[in-house]
Amino acid sequence: MGNIIITTWKRLLRNKSNTFWILCFPIILGTLFNVAFSNMAASENMEAIPVAVVCEDDTYGETFKQSAEALSEGDDAMLKATFCDEKKAMELLKEKEVTGIIYSGKTVTLSISANMSNESINQSILQAFVNEYNMVQDTLTGIIANHPEKIEAVLKELDSVSDFNDEVSISRKPDADPFSQYFYNLLAMACLYTSMGGVLVATENQGNLSQLGMRKCLSPTHKLKSIVGELFATATYEFVLNFIGFVYVAYVLKVDVASRLPLAIFTTFMGCLTGVALGFFIGCFGQKSQDFKQGMVFAITMPLCFLSGLMMGTMKIIIQNHCPVLNKINPATIITDSFYSLAMYESYDRFIVDILSLFSFVILFIMAGFLMTRRKKYASL
């Protein structure tokens, strides 16, 4: 096993294309992101975000209305809320007079327009606000349910808007940078680019696709042992490259991606493992050449990254509103959400679900790829 790992590392070290796409390209793109977002932040006037609020529930709606009114007051107001019915709200959104519509019921939800790409940052801020408000509301509801003796104190907090704003944090990091999500997506993209290494493992274990594959098919080494060793070696090597990129983003660009550092590093490793497993599955599928399958890696990973919000920050919100199942089966979205949940939530529940989802993908892709490789027979080599 040790010899397999060392040999795999040597082959990957000589692969300049792999190093460029996993290490150099994300660093270059991250630097460009940092310059662009720094300029945007410097020139931004931080005006209140116009939003329509539709109260769908008298009890919960009134509570949210008080919060929205408080956030609409003062010179540093976050919101410019317009309270109206759904029909009027849709008209305002269609005419682009508001950035989004917040529906206030037992659960607060946000509706936005895909035609307002110039408002993507404000849309992201609104979505973060909605997520965090729901989290706080659930927490307070739990306090009422589990500690009824504190109902009066909790209701007093809810009724006192100023106290709510001053004392109740709606986020683990209320001052979180809205641009951080783009860097979460960047790290997810780098993790999925490790698929190229997985393709190499697959094609180099097939006698009809490479000279090395021919020799391995004639080797007495058990195929499962060889493949598992190479996949592990590939994942650890690609993780080292990704870790360098992670350190660059966190400590050179000073982007907040290192919240709960050990778990953030573990997320990076799981992302790399997922990418390698995906590449292995792609490499085992069909009889096309190695170059063709590595081209498939880009054809598959780039749309996944687009859908997770790498190019358009609000894409994840749009998908959640129209086809939420895509967010649950998109590895790029899950990796991005893992970094986000570590940064924004005190609870680990959402993070654990994300990690378990990635682990499930790893098992699924590796098992499917191995079964396809194991079934192949050759008349001659």
Protein backbone atom coordinates (compact mmCIF):
# COMPACT_ATOMS: atom_id res chain seq x y z
CA MET A 1 0.00 0.00 0.00
CA GLY A 2 2.84 2.39 0.86
CA ASN A 3 4.45 1.85 -2.53
CA ILE A 4 1.12 2.52 -4.28
CA ILE A 5 0.71 5.83 -2.42
CA ILE A 6 4.25 7.03 -3.13
CA THR A 7 4.01 6.09 -6.80
CA THR A 8 0.66 7.88 -7.15
CA TRP A 9 2.05 11.03 -5.53
CA LYS A 10 4.99 11.03 -7.93
CA ARG A 11 2.70 10.75 -10.97
CA LEU A 12 0.48 13.56 -9.73
CA LEU A 13 3.47 15.76 -8.95
CA ARG A 14 4.53 15.52 -12.59
CA ASN A 15 1.04 16.42 -13.78
CA LYS A 16 1.33 20.19 -14.33
CA SER A 17 -2.22 20.58 -15.61
CA ASN A 18 -3.62 19.08 -12.41
CA THR A 19 -1.52 21.44 -10.27
CA PHE A 20 -2.57 24.50 -12.26
CA TRP A 21 -6.32 23.91 -12.12
CA ILE A 22 -6.43 22.88 -8.45
CA LEU A 23 -3.84 25.23 -6.96
CA CYS A 24 -2.93 28.10 -9.29
CA PHE A 25 -6.27 28.84 -10.93
CA PRO A 26 -8.27 29.20 -7.66
CA ILE A 27 -5.53 31.43 -6.22
CA ILE A 28 -5.59 33.66 -9.29
CA LEU A 29 -9.39 33.79 -9.34
CA GLY A 30 -9.53 34.40 -5.59
CA THR A 31 -7.13 37.33 -5.94
CA LEU A 32 -9.31 38.82 -8.68
CA PHE A 33 -12.40 38.30 -6.52
CA ASN A 34 -10.70 40.07 -3.62
CA VAL A 35 -9.71 43.09 -5.74
CA ALA A 36 -13.17 43.37 -7.33
CA PHE A 37 -15.09 43.00 -4.06
CA SER A 38 -12.78 45.39 -2.22
CA ASN A 39 -13.49 48.04 -4.82
CA MET A 40 -17.22 47.37 -4.62
CA ALA A 41 -17.20 47.59 -0.84
CA ALA A 42 -15.23 50.84 -0.95
CA SER A 43 -17.62 52.48 -3.40
CA GLU A 44 -20.87 51.12 -1.95
CA ASN A 45 -23.11 53.73 -0.28
CA MET A 46 -24.77 51.22 2.06
CA GLU A 47 -28.24 52.51 1.33
CA ALA A 48 -31.24 50.85 2.94
CA ILE A 49 -32.49 47.86 0.94
CA PRO A 50 -36.02 48.39 -0.40
CA VAL A 51 -38.16 45.37 0.41
CA ALA A 52 -41.87 44.54 0.39
CA VAL A 53 -43.21 42.78 3.49
CA VAL A 54 -46.34 40.63 3.27
CA CYS A 55 -47.69 39.61 6.69
CA GLU A 56 -49.40 36.21 6.32
CA ASP A 57 -49.99 35.47 10.00
CA ASP A 58 -51.33 37.88 12.61
CA THR A 59 -49.23 36.65 15.54
CA TYR A 60 -45.91 35.91 13.86
CA GLY A 61 -46.47 38.66 11.30
CA GLU A 62 -46.81 41.33 13.96
CA THR A 63 -43.57 40.23 15.61
CA PHE A 64 -41.67 40.38 12.34
CA LYS A 65 -43.31 43.71 11.46
CA GLN A 66 -41.88 45.27 14.62
CA SER A 67 -38.41 43.96 13.74
CA ALA A 68 -38.65 45.20 10.14
CA GLU A 69 -39.82 48.63 11.31
CA ALA A 70 -36.89 48.85 13.72
CA LEU A 71 -34.43 47.95 10.95
CA SER A 72 -36.01 50.66 8.75
CA GLU A 73 -35.38 53.47 11.25
CA GLY A 74 -32.40 55.75 11.62
CA ASP A 75 -29.63 57.01 9.37
CA ASP A 76 -28.00 53.56 9.24
CA ALA A 77 -31.23 51.69 8.45
CA MET A 78 -30.71 48.28 6.87
CA LEU A 79 -34.18 48.01 5.31
CA LYS A 80 -36.66 50.28 3.61
CA ALA A 81 -39.75 48.20 4.26
CA THR A 82 -43.08 48.59 2.46
CA PHE A 83 -45.93 46.69 4.14
CA CYS A 84 -48.56 45.58 1.65
CA ASP A 85 -50.55 42.63 0.31
CA GLU A 86 -49.08 40.03 -2.05
CA LYS A 87 -50.57 41.56 -5.21
CA LYS A 88 -49.03 44.96 -4.52
CA ALA A 89 -45.72 43.34 -3.52
CA MET A 90 -45.53 41.44 -6.82
CA GLU A 91 -46.16 44.68 -8.72
CA LEU A 92 -43.36 46.44 -6.85
CA LEU A 93 -40.98 43.55 -7.53
CA LYS A 94 -41.93 43.43 -11.21
CA GLU A 95 -41.32 47.18 -11.51
CA LYS A 96 -38.00 46.73 -9.67
CA GLU A 97 -39.00 49.14 -6.93
CA VAL A 98 -38.06 46.58 -4.27
CA THR A 99 -35.20 44.10 -4.12
CA GLY A 100 -37.34 41.26 -2.80
CA ILE A 101 -40.53 40.23 -1.04
CA ILE A 102 -40.45 38.92 2.53
CA TYR A 103 -43.42 36.77 3.49
CA SER A 104 -43.89 36.87 7.24
CA GLY A 105 -45.71 33.89 8.69
CA LYS A 106 -44.75 31.13 11.07
CA THR A 107 -41.64 30.82 8.90
CA VAL A 108 -40.24 33.90 7.16
CA THR A 109 -39.43 33.38 3.47
CA LEU A 110 -37.92 35.51 0.71
CA SER A 111 -38.93 35.81 -2.93
CA ILE A 112 -36.66 37.56 -5.45
CA SER A 113 -36.53 38.19 -9.17
CA ALA A 114 -33.94 36.54 -11.40
CA ASN A 115 -34.07 39.61 -13.64
CA MET A 116 -32.37 41.84 -11.07
CA SER A 117 -28.78 40.60 -11.31
CA ASN A 118 -27.49 44.06 -10.40
CA GLU A 119 -29.10 43.57 -6.98
CA SER A 120 -27.44 40.22 -6.29
CA ILE A 121 -25.52 41.48 -3.25
CA ASN A 122 -28.60 43.01 -1.63
CA GLN A 123 -30.55 39.85 -2.43
CA SER A 124 -27.87 37.81 -0.67
CA ILE A 125 -28.02 40.11 2.35
CA LEU A 126 -31.80 39.72 2.53
CA GLN A 127 -31.52 35.93 2.31
CA ALA A 128 -28.94 35.88 5.11
CA PHE A 129 -31.21 38.10 7.21
CA VAL A 130 -34.22 35.81 6.63
CA ASN A 131 -32.21 32.69 7.49
CA GLU A 132 -30.89 34.25 10.67
CA TYR A 133 -34.28 35.61 11.74
CA ASN A 134 -35.82 32.13 11.40
CA MET A 135 -32.99 30.68 13.44
CA VAL A 136 -33.54 33.17 16.27
CA GLN A 137 -37.31 32.69 16.14
CA ASP A 138 -36.90 28.92 16.47
CA THR A 139 -34.55 29.44 19.41
CA LEU A 140 -36.97 31.72 21.22
CA THR A 141 -39.86 29.35 20.51
CA GLY A 142 -37.83 26.56 22.06
CA ILE A 143 -37.20 28.66 25.16
CA ILE A 144 -40.93 29.25 25.56
CA ALA A 145 -41.69 25.54 25.12
CA ASN A 146 -38.98 24.24 27.43
CA HIS A 147 -38.94 27.00 30.04
CA PRO A 148 -42.52 28.27 30.40
CA GLU A 149 -41.58 30.09 33.59
CA LYS A 150 -39.62 32.51 31.40
CA ILE A 151 -42.48 33.28 29.02
CA GLU A 152 -43.00 36.79 30.37
CA ALA A 153 -39.32 37.65 30.02
CA VAL A 154 -39.19 36.24 26.49
CA LEU A 155 -42.35 38.12 25.44
CA LYS A 156 -40.87 41.28 26.88
CA GLU A 157 -37.81 40.77 24.72
CA LEU A 158 -39.97 40.24 21.65
CA ASP A 159 -42.08 43.31 22.40
CA SER A 160 -39.05 45.48 23.06
CA VAL A 161 -37.69 46.09 19.58
CA SER A 162 -34.70 48.02 20.81
CA ASP A 163 -33.77 45.24 23.23
CA PHE A 164 -34.21 42.67 20.44
CA ASN A 165 -31.81 44.53 18.20
CA ASP A 166 -29.30 45.22 20.93
CA GLU A 167 -29.22 41.96 22.83
CA VAL A 168 -30.30 39.15 20.53
CA SER A 169 -27.78 38.22 17.88
CA ILE A 170 -29.39 36.86 14.73
CA SER A 171 -26.12 35.35 13.59
CA ARG A 172 -22.97 33.80 14.95
CA LYS A 173 -21.24 36.66 13.12
CA PRO A 174 -23.65 39.58 12.64
CA ASP A 175 -21.00 41.54 10.74
CA ALA A 176 -20.26 38.72 8.27
CA ASP A 177 -18.99 39.85 4.88
CA PRO A 178 -21.73 39.27 2.25
CA PHE A 179 -18.99 38.57 -0.32
CA SER A 180 -17.64 35.58 1.64
CA GLN A 181 -20.09 33.24 -0.09
CA TYR A 182 -18.20 33.72 -3.37
CA PHE A 183 -15.02 32.47 -1.70
CA TYR A 184 -16.89 29.51 -0.20
CA ASN A 185 -17.92 28.68 -3.76
CA LEU A 186 -14.36 29.16 -4.96
CA LEU A 187 -13.08 26.62 -2.44
CA ALA A 188 -15.87 24.23 -3.48
CA MET A 189 -14.82 24.61 -7.13
CA ALA A 190 -11.19 23.79 -6.26
CA CYS A 191 -12.37 20.71 -4.34
CA LEU A 192 -14.40 19.45 -7.30
CA TYR A 193 -11.49 20.03 -9.69
CA THR A 194 -9.83 17.10 -7.91
CA SER A 195 -12.10 15.04 -10.17
CA MET A 196 -9.24 15.16 -12.67
CA GLY A 197 -7.18 13.04 -10.29
CA GLY A 198 -10.05 10.59 -9.94
CA VAL A 199 -10.25 10.26 -13.74
CA LEU A 200 -6.54 9.39 -13.81
CA VAL A 201 -7.06 6.61 -11.27
CA ALA A 202 -9.93 5.17 -13.31
CA THR A 203 -8.26 5.29 -16.73
CA GLU A 204 -4.95 4.01 -15.41
CA ASN A 205 -6.70 0.90 -14.11
CA GLN A 206 -8.32 0.02 -17.45
CA GLY A 207 -6.24 -2.00 -19.86
CA ASN A 208 -7.98 -0.68 -22.95
CA LEU A 209 -7.38 2.99 -22.08
CA SER A 210 -3.72 3.20 -21.08
CA GLN A 211 -0.42 1.34 -21.21
CA LEU A 212 -0.18 1.57 -17.43
CA GLY A 213 -3.65 0.04 -17.20
CA MET A 214 -2.47 -2.95 -19.23
CA ARG A 215 0.37 -3.61 -16.82
CA LYS A 216 -1.90 -3.25 -13.80
CA CYS A 217 -4.38 -5.74 -15.25
CA LEU A 218 -1.56 -8.28 -15.46
CA SER A 219 -0.29 -7.49 -11.97
CA PRO A 220 -0.98 -9.97 -9.13
CA THR A 221 -1.98 -7.06 -6.83
CA HIS A 222 -5.65 -7.24 -5.92
CA LYS A 223 -7.56 -4.66 -7.94
CA LEU A 224 -9.62 -3.37 -5.01
CA LYS A 225 -6.48 -2.81 -2.93
CA SER A 226 -4.79 -1.01 -5.81
CA ILE A 227 -7.75 1.27 -6.55
CA VAL A 228 -8.45 2.13 -2.91
CA GLY A 229 -4.76 2.92 -2.35
CA GLU A 230 -4.60 5.15 -5.42
CA LEU A 231 -7.84 6.94 -4.53
CA PHE A 232 -6.58 7.62 -1.01
CA ALA A 233 -3.21 8.81 -2.31
CA THR A 234 -4.89 11.04 -4.88
CA ALA A 235 -7.27 12.52 -2.30
CA THR A 236 -4.46 13.32 0.16
CA TYR A 237 -2.26 14.87 -2.56
CA GLU A 238 -5.12 16.98 -3.91
CA PHE A 239 -6.01 17.96 -0.34
CA VAL A 240 -2.52 19.36 0.17
CA LEU A 241 -2.94 21.55 -2.93
CA ASN A 242 -6.38 22.66 -1.77
CA PHE A 243 -5.10 23.35 1.72
CA ILE A 244 -2.48 25.73 0.31
CA GLY A 245 -5.25 27.55 -1.55
CA PHE A 246 -7.37 27.57 1.63
CA VAL A 247 -4.52 29.13 3.63
CA TYR A 248 -4.01 31.75 0.89
CA VAL A 249 -7.68 32.76 0.91
CA ALA A 250 -7.94 32.77 4.72
CA TYR A 251 -4.65 34.38 5.73
CA VAL A 252 -3.36 36.29 2.70
CA LEU A 253 -6.64 37.58 1.30
CA LYS A 254 -8.00 37.64 4.87
CA VAL A 255 -11.40 36.25 3.91
CA ASP A 256 -13.44 34.71 6.73
CA VAL A 257 -13.36 31.08 5.59
CA ALA A 258 -11.50 29.62 8.56
CA SER A 259 -14.31 29.70 11.13
CA ARG A 260 -13.85 26.69 13.44
CA LEU A 261 -10.59 25.91 11.70
CA PRO A 262 -10.35 22.13 12.33
CA LEU A 263 -13.84 21.57 10.90
CA ALA A 264 -13.16 23.94 7.99
CA ILE A 265 -10.05 21.90 7.13
CA PHE A 266 -12.06 18.69 7.48
CA THR A 267 -14.67 20.15 5.11
CA THR A 268 -11.90 20.84 2.59
CA PHE A 269 -10.73 17.23 2.85
CA MET A 270 -14.25 15.87 2.43
CA GLY A 271 -14.71 18.15 -0.59
CA CYS A 272 -11.51 16.78 -2.13
CA LEU A 273 -12.58 13.21 -1.42
CA THR A 274 -15.94 13.90 -3.05
CA GLY A 275 -14.24 15.37 -6.12
CA VAL A 276 -11.87 12.42 -6.48
CA ALA A 277 -14.75 9.96 -6.12
CA LEU A 278 -16.78 11.85 -8.74
CA GLY A 279 -13.82 11.81 -11.13
CA PHE A 280 -13.31 8.10 -10.55
CA PHE A 281 -16.95 7.46 -11.45
CA ILE A 282 -16.66 9.61 -14.60
CA GLY A 283 -13.43 7.84 -15.57
CA CYS A 284 -14.98 4.40 -15.22
CA PHE A 285 -18.01 5.29 -17.31
CA GLY A 286 -17.73 4.41 -21.00
CA GLN A 287 -14.79 3.72 -23.29
CA LYS A 288 -13.74 7.26 -24.16
CA SER A 289 -10.14 8.45 -23.82
CA GLN A 290 -8.62 10.02 -20.73
CA ASP A 291 -8.56 13.49 -22.35
CA PHE A 292 -12.25 13.23 -23.24
CA LYS A 293 -13.19 12.24 -19.69
CA GLN A 294 -11.15 15.04 -18.18
CA GLY A 295 -13.03 17.37 -20.49
CA MET A 296 -16.22 15.90 -19.03
CA VAL A 297 -14.97 16.91 -15.59
CA PHE A 298 -15.10 20.57 -16.57
CA ALA A 299 -18.39 20.10 -18.42
CA ILE A 300 -19.94 18.72 -15.23
CA THR A 301 -18.24 20.67 -12.43
CA MET A 302 -18.61 24.15 -13.90
CA PRO A 303 -22.44 23.96 -14.17
CA LEU A 304 -22.50 22.56 -10.62
CA CYS A 305 -20.45 25.54 -9.42
CA PHE A 306 -22.69 27.94 -11.33
CA LEU A 307 -25.77 26.47 -9.68
CA SER A 308 -24.15 26.83 -6.25
CA GLY A 309 -23.64 30.59 -6.78
CA LEU A 310 -20.03 30.98 -7.95
CA MET A 311 -20.93 33.31 -10.84
CA MET A 312 -24.24 34.63 -9.50
CA GLY A 313 -24.61 34.84 -5.74
CA THR A 314 -28.39 34.52 -5.69
CA MET A 315 -28.54 31.38 -7.86
CA LYS A 316 -28.79 29.14 -4.81
CA ILE A 317 -31.78 31.15 -3.57
CA ILE A 318 -33.51 30.94 -6.95
CA ILE A 319 -33.04 27.16 -7.05
CA GLN A 320 -34.24 26.82 -3.46
CA ASN A 321 -37.44 28.63 -4.40
CA HIS A 322 -38.12 26.66 -7.59
CA CYS A 323 -36.37 23.28 -7.32
CA PRO A 324 -34.84 22.79 -3.84
CA VAL A 325 -33.89 19.18 -4.51
CA LEU A 326 -31.07 20.42 -6.79
CA ASN A 327 -29.39 22.08 -3.81
CA LYS A 328 -29.51 18.80 -1.93
CA ILE A 329 -27.83 16.75 -4.67
CA ASN A 330 -25.30 19.33 -5.91
CA PRO A 331 -21.89 18.60 -4.29
CA ALA A 332 -20.70 22.18 -4.94
CA THR A 333 -23.69 23.60 -3.08
CA ILE A 334 -23.22 21.18 -0.19
CA ILE A 335 -19.51 22.03 0.19
CA THR A 336 -20.32 25.75 0.02
CA ASP A 337 -23.08 25.34 2.58
CA SER A 338 -20.70 23.50 4.92
CA PHE A 339 -18.38 26.52 5.06
CA TYR A 340 -21.39 28.84 5.39
CA SER A 341 -22.94 26.90 8.26
CA LEU A 342 -19.64 26.84 10.16
CA ALA A 343 -19.38 30.61 9.84
CA MET A 344 -22.98 31.54 10.52
CA TYR A 345 -24.58 29.01 12.89
CA GLU A 346 -23.82 28.10 16.47
CA SER A 347 -25.48 24.71 16.01
CA TYR A 348 -23.69 21.94 14.13
CA ASP A 349 -26.91 20.33 12.86
CA ARG A 350 -26.77 21.80 9.36
CA PHE A 351 -23.03 21.15 9.07
CA ILE A 352 -23.43 17.49 10.08
CA VAL A 353 -26.15 16.97 7.45
CA ASP A 354 -23.85 18.48 4.80
CA ILE A 355 -20.91 16.28 5.76
CA LEU A 356 -23.05 13.14 5.81
CA SER A 357 -24.34 14.06 2.34
CA LEU A 358 -20.78 14.38 1.04
CA PHE A 359 -19.82 11.06 2.61
CA SER A 360 -22.81 9.42 0.92
CA PHE A 361 -21.68 10.78 -2.44
CA VAL A 362 -18.16 9.41 -1.86
CA ILE A 363 -19.46 5.91 -1.11
CA LEU A 364 -21.90 5.99 -4.03
CA PHE A 365 -19.38 7.17 -6.63
CA ILE A 366 -16.58 4.82 -5.53
CA MET A 367 -18.82 1.74 -5.37
CA ALA A 368 -20.38 2.48 -8.75
CA GLY A 369 -16.99 3.12 -10.32
CA PHE A 370 -15.43 -0.01 -8.86
CA LEU A 371 -18.30 -2.18 -10.04
CA MET A 372 -17.91 -0.84 -13.59
CA THR A 373 -14.14 -1.39 -13.53
CA ARG A 374 -14.40 -4.86 -11.99
CA ARG A 375 -16.84 -6.11 -14.65
CA LYS A 376 -14.56 -5.28 -17.57
CA LYS A 377 -12.92 -8.18 -19.36
CA TYR A 378 -10.31 -8.04 -22.13
CA ALA A 379 -9.83 -10.59 -24.89
CA SER A 380 -6.21 -9.54 -25.23
CA LEU A 381 -3.83 -6.84 -23.99
